[in-house]
Amino acid sequence: MPIQGNLLTLLRTSPHPSAYESRLESVARPGLSTILVVDDDADTRFMLRLLLEPAGHEVVEACDGEAAMSFIKPNSLPDVITTDLAMPILNGEGLISRLRSEPRTASIPIVVISASPDAARALKASGLVEAVVIKPFDPFVLADCILALAGPASAPALQHV
């Protein structure tokens, strides 16, 4: 059952990440998956960090599409990119278009995390993104989605308790 409400409600109703520490410490981590989280809302980026880091991912944040492109150019590529659609400077659709048009970034899996279901689903139907998660979302659905796209190098996704 999806959790409804704002991000603070989600954080309060989800198990604290430390609840998973003992299980995660026993997992061998040959390499972390790097997830680039692109969202103009700092609370959303923080919540995704709280969800993804305990699951074994390295999280890098960008506040808009232009900042994401600036991060990608000089650095190694992330394993997965999550992006909102409604952002200033360079919105999510513009970011996705630029990523898909450049050979170096064209194959990076993209997950749209948005409160705009029609636009997000249209991107998925067109084949431009690998997955769509609609806000508000169930944190376990998102964790499973990221795990599926990040590949076997990451730690297991958070499991329902």
Foldseek 3Di string as FASTA:
>chain_A
DWDDDDLVSVVVPDPFLVVCQVVLVVDDQPDAAEEEEEALDPSVLVSVCRQVVSQFHHYHYDNALVRVVVVPVPDPDGQEYEAEADGPPQGPVNSLVVQCVDPRRNPRAYEYEYQPVVVRVVCVVVVSHVYYAHPPGHSQVVQVVCDVRSDDSTHHHDDDD
